[in-house]
């Protein structure tokens, strides 16, 4: 009788160890939850003429001609936005309507948020070369 009880206990012990090892393998085989990675925001660019600057709303409206049509892009300028003119740091107050600009921006929560605004220097009017005076013609 003692041998039968010892045999039953041994068999139960083997089944218990085997079931624990199978359970551990199933946990390893189960696929891990996928972690959703947010894609980095795509940086877009618009080059054109400033149509309006709203200092209160901190926005710039840039107009650009595309296939004969004028497209306007409204971009929000925040404290992180880098505004430059000939590599000199500027502020939103330095941007004026009529300036030619190149704006790099990303879309965040449905708004276009500027990363950088590069103001292109105004074209200097061509200087007229002074023509040498013509010698007076002698009358004969």
Protein backbone atom coordinates (compact mmCIF):
# COMPACT_ATOMS: atom_id res chain seq x y z
CA UNK A 1 0.00 0.00 0.00
CA UNK A 2 2.85 2.36 0.81
CA UNK A 3 4.36 1.64 -2.62
CA UNK A 4 1.09 2.53 -4.39
CA UNK A 5 0.76 5.81 -2.47
CA UNK A 6 4.42 6.66 -3.19
CA UNK A 7 3.86 5.88 -6.89
CA UNK A 8 0.73 8.08 -7.03
CA UNK A 9 2.53 10.96 -5.28
CA UNK A 10 5.47 10.62 -7.68
CA UNK A 11 3.17 10.69 -10.73
CA UNK A 12 1.30 13.71 -9.36
CA UNK A 13 4.61 15.47 -8.74
CA UNK A 14 5.74 14.82 -12.33
CA UNK A 15 2.43 16.19 -13.70
CA UNK A 16 2.68 19.27 -11.49
CA UNK A 17 6.23 20.06 -12.67
CA UNK A 18 5.32 19.41 -16.29
CA UNK A 19 2.26 21.69 -16.17
CA UNK A 20 4.29 24.54 -14.67
CA UNK A 21 6.88 24.27 -17.43
CA UNK A 22 4.21 24.21 -20.16
CA UNK A 23 2.56 27.31 -18.68
CA UNK A 24 5.89 29.15 -18.70
CA UNK A 25 6.43 28.29 -22.38
CA UNK A 26 2.97 29.55 -23.32
CA UNK A 27 3.67 32.93 -21.71
CA UNK A 28 6.88 33.26 -23.69
CA UNK A 29 5.17 32.33 -26.94
CA UNK A 30 2.30 34.80 -26.46
CA UNK A 31 2.84 37.85 -28.65
CA UNK A 32 3.74 41.01 -26.77
CA UNK A 33 1.41 43.96 -27.03
CA UNK A 34 2.44 46.23 -29.83
CA UNK A 35 3.52 49.64 -28.68
CA UNK A 36 2.29 52.28 -31.07
CA UNK A 37 5.02 54.63 -32.06
CA UNK A 38 4.01 58.08 -33.10
CA UNK A 39 5.61 59.04 -36.34
CA UNK A 40 7.77 62.13 -36.24
CA UNK A 41 5.82 65.09 -37.59
CA UNK A 42 6.57 65.76 -41.23
CA UNK A 43 8.33 69.07 -41.80
CA UNK A 44 6.77 71.03 -44.65
CA UNK A 45 7.96 74.21 -46.31
CA UNK A 46 6.38 77.21 -47.99
CA UNK A 47 8.21 80.00 -49.76
CA UNK A 48 6.36 83.15 -50.70
CA UNK A 49 5.36 86.67 -49.75
CA UNK A 50 3.98 87.67 -46.35
CA UNK A 51 0.41 88.88 -46.80
CA UNK A 52 -0.40 89.51 -43.13
CA UNK A 53 1.20 89.38 -39.69
CA UNK A 54 -1.04 89.10 -36.62
CA UNK A 55 1.10 89.80 -33.53
CA UNK A 56 -1.79 89.17 -31.12
CA UNK A 57 -2.54 85.71 -32.55
CA UNK A 58 1.16 85.13 -33.38
CA UNK A 59 0.42 84.12 -36.98
CA UNK A 60 1.92 84.83 -40.37
CA UNK A 61 -0.03 84.45 -43.62
CA UNK A 62 2.21 83.46 -46.54
CA UNK A 63 0.94 83.65 -50.14
CA UNK A 64 2.46 81.52 -52.88
CA UNK A 65 1.58 81.26 -56.56
CA UNK A 66 0.92 77.71 -57.74
CA UNK A 67 -0.08 77.15 -61.36
CA UNK A 68 -1.52 80.64 -61.69
CA UNK A 69 -3.48 80.45 -58.43
CA UNK A 70 -2.51 82.09 -55.15
CA UNK A 71 -2.42 79.71 -52.18
CA UNK A 72 -2.29 81.15 -48.68
CA UNK A 73 -0.82 79.30 -45.71
CA UNK A 74 -1.39 80.51 -42.16
CA UNK A 75 1.46 79.56 -39.81
CA UNK A 76 1.54 79.98 -36.03
CA UNK A 77 4.79 81.31 -34.56
CA UNK A 78 5.67 80.22 -31.03
CA UNK A 79 8.57 80.93 -28.68
CA UNK A 80 10.62 78.06 -30.15
CA UNK A 81 10.41 79.40 -33.71
CA UNK A 82 13.72 80.56 -35.14
CA UNK A 83 13.31 83.78 -37.16
CA UNK A 84 16.36 84.93 -39.12
CA UNK A 85 17.43 87.56 -41.65
CA UNK A 86 20.90 87.02 -43.13
CA UNK A 87 21.77 84.70 -40.21
CA UNK A 88 20.81 87.41 -37.69
CA UNK A 89 18.23 86.45 -35.09
CA UNK A 90 14.99 88.41 -35.43
CA UNK A 91 11.55 88.48 -33.80
CA UNK A 92 7.97 88.35 -35.08
CA UNK A 93 7.90 92.17 -34.92
CA UNK A 94 10.59 92.24 -37.64
CA UNK A 95 8.38 90.35 -40.11
CA UNK A 96 6.30 92.72 -42.23
CA UNK A 97 3.73 92.33 -45.00
CA UNK A 98 5.48 92.20 -48.36
CA UNK A 99 8.59 90.40 -47.06
CA UNK A 100 9.74 87.33 -48.96
CA UNK A 101 10.04 84.40 -46.54
CA UNK A 102 10.83 80.70 -46.41
CA UNK A 103 8.87 78.99 -43.61
CA UNK A 104 9.47 75.44 -42.37
CA UNK A 105 6.56 74.13 -40.31
CA UNK A 106 4.84 71.03 -38.96
CA UNK A 107 1.17 70.30 -38.41
CA UNK A 108 0.30 69.92 -34.71
CA UNK A 109 -3.31 69.44 -33.59
CA UNK A 110 -4.62 70.86 -36.87
CA UNK A 111 -2.43 73.98 -36.73
CA UNK A 112 0.64 74.78 -38.80
CA UNK A 113 3.39 75.54 -36.27
CA UNK A 114 6.52 77.22 -37.61
CA UNK A 115 9.93 75.70 -36.86
CA UNK A 116 11.85 78.43 -38.69
CA UNK A 117 11.15 81.60 -40.66
CA UNK A 118 13.92 82.85 -42.93
CA UNK A 119 13.35 86.38 -44.19
CA UNK A 120 14.93 86.92 -47.58
CA UNK A 121 16.70 90.24 -47.91
CA UNK A 122 14.97 92.79 -50.13
CA UNK A 123 16.47 93.08 -53.57
CA UNK A 124 18.59 96.20 -53.80
CA UNK A 125 17.68 98.45 -56.70
CA UNK A 126 20.29 98.33 -59.43
CA UNK A 127 22.65 101.21 -59.08
CA UNK A 128 22.95 103.31 -62.17
CA UNK A 129 26.47 103.72 -63.33
CA UNK A 130 27.45 107.32 -63.85
CA UNK A 131 28.06 107.81 -67.53
CA UNK A 132 31.04 109.91 -68.40
CA UNK A 133 30.09 113.31 -69.73
CA UNK A 134 30.33 113.62 -73.49
CA UNK A 135 32.77 116.20 -74.67
CA UNK A 136 31.08 119.25 -76.12
CA UNK A 137 31.03 119.27 -79.88
CA UNK A 138 33.07 121.99 -81.48
CA UNK A 139 31.27 124.23 -83.91
CA UNK A 140 33.02 124.94 -87.15
